[in-house]
Amino acid sequence: MTTSAALPDHFQPARADQELAFACHPGVSCFTECCRELDLALTPYDVLRLKRRLQLASGQFLDRYVIVEWDEEHVLPTCYLTMVDDGRASCVFVGAQGCSVYDDRPGSCRAYPIGRGAARGGDDSPVESLVLLREPHCRGFAEACRQTVGDYLRGQELEVYNRFNDALLPLVQHPAIRDRSFRPTRRQLDQYMLALYDLDHFRREMTDGRIALRRPLTPAHLAGLAGDDEHLLLLGIRWLSQEWFGE
């Protein structure tokens, strides 16, 4: 667990079993304030859910709603949700009534005011760490709803988001990436965006035989190629491990 001295302002270490008094709803005076003036990074599973919610092809979603940051200081690119140029950098999906994609909102939105990090453990199982974010504008902490941090996160239906995010750990926290002995080329970074974020294009490339897995496809892989986006995302992770690390 990160120590509190190392955390930014307004962040505190948290535990799943600690009590939390918090609620967010339209009656709270700061409703939707947390949807403004933020950099919202999107995981591959976030994009999968949102593009499906909006009935867009993955390439269309990326073109309309995603800014990709290619920073040489970081090994991998980061995808950010586009914000509205309204002087407050508001989320493109927020309105007077709240979130228009609420049932498929990104994992970090669901978890707020909790932040979750995960690291690759020695046996590849995720090692979770939690922080509590207490921003000055947030009035949700004055609500009477009391529960544990773990119960709050379960109520936000984060289990499936965490499962797919954690499936990425063996790839993005591979030893060769962590010790900087592997630096992906631009072609490999394009592969990363294709296999994890542009799923519909990835499906076409693999179905048409332009790219392939060098081991037999499992029934789950075949389900992904047939239309199951969740299984396709796992196939994309498998393919990247092959292309980057020969695994």
Protein backbone atom coordinates (compact mmCIF):
# COMPACT_ATOMS: atom_id res chain seq x y z
CA MET A 1 0.00 0.00 0.00
CA THR A 2 1.23 3.47 -0.83
CA THR A 3 1.88 5.56 2.26
CA SER A 4 -0.18 8.66 2.87
CA ALA A 5 2.98 10.83 2.77
CA ALA A 6 3.49 9.82 -0.86
CA LEU A 7 -0.07 10.53 -1.95
CA PRO A 8 -1.23 13.77 -3.63
CA ASP A 9 -3.39 16.29 -1.77
CA HIS A 10 -6.91 15.05 -0.94
CA PHE A 11 -5.89 11.38 -1.28
CA GLN A 12 -5.84 9.01 1.70
CA PRO A 13 -5.04 5.29 1.87
CA ALA A 14 -8.20 3.18 2.15
CA ARG A 15 -9.11 -0.37 3.07
CA ALA A 16 -12.02 -2.45 1.84
CA ASP A 17 -13.25 -3.02 5.39
CA GLN A 18 -13.19 0.60 6.55
CA GLU A 19 -16.42 2.51 7.00
CA LEU A 20 -17.38 5.13 4.44
CA ALA A 21 -20.09 7.78 4.73
CA PHE A 22 -20.83 8.82 1.17
CA ALA A 23 -23.62 9.04 -1.39
CA CYS A 24 -24.04 10.77 -4.74
CA HIS A 25 -27.44 11.60 -6.23
CA PRO A 26 -29.22 14.57 -7.88
CA GLY A 27 -30.15 15.97 -4.47
CA VAL A 28 -26.52 16.55 -3.50
CA SER A 29 -25.57 20.18 -4.17
CA CYS A 30 -22.36 19.28 -6.03
CA PHE A 31 -24.09 16.79 -8.36
CA THR A 32 -22.00 16.33 -11.58
CA GLU A 33 -19.16 18.57 -10.34
CA CYS A 34 -16.87 15.53 -10.40
CA CYS A 35 -17.69 15.21 -14.13
CA ARG A 36 -15.87 18.45 -14.95
CA GLU A 37 -12.27 19.65 -15.10
CA LEU A 38 -10.83 16.16 -15.16
CA ASP A 39 -8.59 13.98 -17.29
CA LEU A 40 -10.56 10.76 -17.65
CA ALA A 41 -8.36 7.90 -18.83
CA LEU A 42 -10.29 5.08 -20.49
CA THR A 43 -9.39 1.41 -20.16
CA PRO A 44 -10.06 -0.97 -23.06
CA TYR A 45 -13.09 -2.33 -21.20
CA ASP A 46 -14.43 1.21 -20.70
CA VAL A 47 -14.28 1.76 -24.46
CA LEU A 48 -15.88 -1.63 -25.13
CA ARG A 49 -18.86 -0.74 -22.94
CA LEU A 50 -19.25 2.81 -24.24
CA LYS A 51 -18.99 2.04 -27.94
CA ARG A 52 -21.55 -0.73 -27.53
CA ARG A 53 -23.85 1.57 -25.53
CA LEU A 54 -23.70 4.19 -28.29
CA GLN A 55 -24.04 1.56 -31.02
CA LEU A 56 -20.86 2.73 -32.69
CA ALA A 57 -18.06 0.77 -34.29
CA SER A 58 -14.94 0.98 -32.15
CA GLY A 59 -13.15 3.09 -34.78
CA GLN A 60 -16.03 5.55 -34.84
CA PHE A 61 -16.00 5.83 -31.06
CA LEU A 62 -12.26 6.46 -31.00
CA ASP A 63 -12.56 9.16 -33.68
CA ARG A 64 -15.41 10.97 -31.93
CA TYR A 65 -14.68 10.61 -28.25
CA VAL A 66 -11.04 9.69 -27.58
CA ILE A 67 -7.79 11.60 -27.47
CA VAL A 68 -4.73 9.35 -27.57
CA GLU A 69 -1.69 10.70 -25.77
CA TRP A 70 1.62 9.42 -27.07
CA ASP A 71 4.13 10.37 -24.38
CA GLU A 72 7.69 9.10 -24.68
CA GLU A 73 7.99 9.22 -20.90
CA HIS A 74 5.43 6.41 -20.71
CA VAL A 75 5.86 3.03 -22.33
CA LEU A 76 2.25 2.79 -23.55
CA PRO A 77 -0.21 5.36 -24.92
CA THR A 78 -3.05 6.65 -22.78
CA CYS A 79 -6.60 7.12 -24.09
CA TYR A 80 -8.56 10.04 -22.65
CA LEU A 81 -12.24 10.81 -23.05
CA THR A 82 -12.88 14.01 -25.01
CA MET A 83 -14.20 16.87 -22.90
CA VAL A 84 -16.60 19.61 -23.99
CA ASP A 85 -15.05 23.03 -24.65
CA ASP A 86 -17.46 24.83 -22.30
CA GLY A 87 -14.89 26.57 -20.13
CA ARG A 88 -15.14 23.83 -17.53
CA ALA A 89 -13.86 20.84 -19.51
CA SER A 90 -17.10 18.94 -18.86
CA CYS A 91 -17.49 15.28 -19.74
CA VAL A 92 -19.10 14.90 -23.13
CA PHE A 93 -21.73 12.60 -21.62
CA VAL A 94 -22.85 14.78 -18.70
CA GLY A 95 -25.99 16.91 -18.77
CA ALA A 96 -28.37 18.62 -16.37
CA GLN A 97 -29.92 15.27 -15.45
CA GLY A 98 -26.57 13.58 -14.89
CA CYS A 99 -24.73 10.97 -16.92
CA SER A 100 -26.35 9.97 -20.21
CA VAL A 101 -24.42 6.67 -20.30
CA TYR A 102 -24.77 5.90 -16.61
CA ASP A 103 -25.27 2.14 -16.89
CA ASP A 104 -22.07 1.87 -18.95
CA ARG A 105 -20.03 4.67 -17.38
CA PRO A 106 -16.27 4.10 -17.03
CA GLY A 107 -14.87 2.20 -14.09
CA SER A 108 -13.18 5.23 -12.53
CA CYS A 109 -16.51 7.08 -12.53
CA ARG A 110 -18.19 4.12 -10.83
CA ALA A 111 -15.51 3.90 -8.15
CA TYR A 112 -15.44 7.62 -7.25
CA PRO A 113 -14.53 8.72 -4.58
CA ILE A 114 -12.44 5.56 -4.33
CA GLY A 115 -9.45 4.99 -6.55
CA ARG A 116 -8.22 1.47 -7.23
CA GLY A 117 -4.80 0.39 -8.32
CA ALA A 118 -3.62 -3.13 -9.07
CA ALA A 119 -0.17 -4.61 -9.49
CA ARG A 120 0.91 -7.94 -10.91
CA GLY A 121 1.66 -10.32 -8.05
CA GLY A 122 4.26 -13.04 -8.06
CA ASP A 123 1.69 -15.65 -9.13
CA ASP A 124 0.08 -13.21 -11.62
CA SER A 125 -2.85 -12.61 -9.27
CA PRO A 126 -3.61 -8.87 -8.86
CA VAL A 127 -2.49 -7.08 -5.71
CA GLU A 128 -5.07 -4.36 -5.05
CA SER A 129 -4.56 -0.98 -3.41
CA LEU A 130 -7.26 1.59 -2.64
CA VAL A 131 -7.27 5.32 -1.98
CA LEU A 132 -10.01 7.67 -0.86
CA LEU A 133 -10.31 10.98 -2.72
CA ARG A 134 -11.74 13.85 -0.66
CA GLU A 135 -12.07 16.80 -3.03
CA PRO A 136 -13.12 20.12 -1.46
CA HIS A 137 -16.14 20.51 -3.75
CA CYS A 138 -17.66 17.12 -2.91
CA ARG A 139 -20.65 17.18 -0.55
CA GLY A 140 -21.34 13.47 -0.86
CA PHE A 141 -19.39 12.85 2.35
CA ALA A 142 -22.07 14.74 4.30
CA GLU A 143 -24.71 12.16 3.35
CA ALA A 144 -25.90 9.73 6.02
CA CYS A 145 -25.38 6.61 3.93
CA ARG A 146 -22.78 4.49 5.75
CA GLN A 147 -21.20 1.30 4.48
CA THR A 148 -17.77 -0.21 4.05
CA VAL A 149 -15.56 0.79 1.14
CA GLY A 150 -15.83 -2.76 -0.17
CA ASP A 151 -19.63 -2.73 -0.05
CA TYR A 152 -19.69 0.63 -1.82
CA LEU A 153 -17.50 -0.66 -4.64
CA ARG A 154 -19.58 -3.81 -4.99
CA GLY A 155 -22.70 -1.67 -5.22
CA GLN A 156 -21.13 0.17 -8.16
CA GLU A 157 -20.88 -3.14 -10.07
CA LEU A 158 -17.13 -2.85 -10.49
CA GLU A 159 -16.33 -6.55 -10.41
CA VAL A 160 -16.53 -7.03 -14.17
CA TYR A 161 -14.52 -3.85 -14.83
CA ASN A 162 -11.81 -4.97 -12.41
CA ARG A 163 -11.71 -8.43 -13.94
CA PHE A 164 -10.99 -7.17 -17.44
CA ASN A 165 -8.63 -4.45 -16.27
CA ASP A 166 -6.69 -6.99 -14.21
CA ALA A 167 -6.48 -9.30 -17.23
CA LEU A 168 -4.20 -6.66 -18.77
CA LEU A 169 -1.64 -6.79 -15.95
CA PRO A 170 0.52 -9.67 -17.28
CA LEU A 171 0.91 -7.66 -20.50
CA VAL A 172 1.27 -4.04 -19.35
CA GLN A 173 3.30 -4.98 -16.26
CA HIS A 174 5.39 -7.62 -18.00
CA PRO A 175 8.91 -7.85 -16.48
CA ALA A 176 10.42 -6.58 -19.74
CA ILE A 177 8.25 -3.48 -19.55
CA ARG A 178 8.86 -2.91 -15.88
CA ASP A 179 12.65 -3.05 -16.21
CA ARG A 180 12.52 -0.99 -19.43
CA SER A 181 14.32 -3.65 -21.45
CA PHE A 182 11.37 -3.61 -23.85
CA ARG A 183 10.35 -0.40 -25.56
CA PRO A 184 7.58 -0.92 -28.12
CA THR A 185 8.12 0.38 -31.62
CA ARG A 186 5.50 2.58 -33.25
CA ARG A 187 4.24 -0.50 -35.08
CA GLN A 188 3.84 -2.31 -31.76
CA LEU A 189 2.05 0.67 -30.26
CA ASP A 190 -0.33 0.58 -33.21
CA GLN A 191 -0.87 -3.11 -32.45
CA TYR A 192 -1.73 -2.15 -28.87
CA MET A 193 -4.38 0.33 -29.99
CA LEU A 194 -5.76 -2.15 -32.53
CA ALA A 195 -6.06 -5.18 -30.27
CA LEU A 196 -7.30 -3.44 -27.13
CA TYR A 197 -9.21 -0.34 -28.24
CA ASP A 198 -10.24 -0.84 -31.88
CA LEU A 199 -11.87 -4.22 -31.38
CA ASP A 200 -14.05 -4.22 -34.49
CA HIS A 201 -11.02 -3.58 -36.70
CA PHE A 202 -9.04 -6.23 -34.81
CA ARG A 203 -11.84 -8.74 -35.40
CA ARG A 204 -11.77 -8.04 -39.16
CA GLU A 205 -7.99 -8.33 -39.34
CA MET A 206 -8.02 -11.68 -37.59
CA THR A 207 -11.10 -13.07 -39.32
CA ASP A 208 -9.65 -12.17 -42.72
CA GLY A 209 -6.35 -13.82 -41.86
CA ARG A 210 -4.14 -10.74 -41.98
CA ILE A 211 -3.05 -11.41 -38.40
CA ALA A 212 -3.19 -14.69 -36.52
CA LEU A 213 -2.59 -16.44 -33.24
CA ARG A 214 0.18 -19.01 -33.58
CA ARG A 215 -1.56 -21.46 -31.28
CA PRO A 216 -4.97 -23.12 -31.72
CA LEU A 217 -7.92 -20.85 -31.05
CA THR A 218 -9.99 -21.83 -28.03
CA PRO A 219 -13.81 -21.88 -28.05
CA ALA A 220 -13.70 -18.55 -26.18
CA HIS A 221 -11.45 -17.05 -28.86
CA LEU A 222 -13.82 -18.26 -31.57
CA ALA A 223 -16.73 -16.70 -29.68
CA GLY A 224 -14.82 -13.42 -29.73
CA LEU A 225 -14.31 -13.59 -33.47
CA ALA A 226 -18.00 -14.43 -33.87
CA GLY A 227 -19.10 -11.27 -32.06
CA ASP A 228 -18.47 -11.51 -28.30
CA ASP A 229 -16.49 -8.36 -27.50
CA GLU A 230 -15.41 -9.49 -24.03
CA HIS A 231 -13.86 -12.67 -25.34
CA LEU A 232 -12.34 -10.71 -28.21
CA LEU A 233 -10.63 -8.35 -25.76
CA LEU A 234 -9.04 -11.34 -24.00
CA LEU A 235 -7.95 -12.67 -27.40
CA GLY A 236 -6.38 -9.28 -28.14
CA ILE A 237 -4.35 -9.48 -24.92
CA ARG A 238 -3.25 -13.01 -25.85
CA TRP A 239 -2.21 -11.88 -29.35
CA LEU A 240 -0.20 -8.91 -28.03
CA SER A 241 1.68 -11.19 -25.63
CA GLN A 242 2.59 -13.32 -28.62
CA GLU A 243 3.64 -10.42 -30.83
CA TRP A 244 5.61 -8.55 -28.18
CA PHE A 245 7.11 -11.25 -26.00
CA GLY A 246 6.75 -14.45 -28.00
CA GLU A 247 4.52 -15.94 -25.31
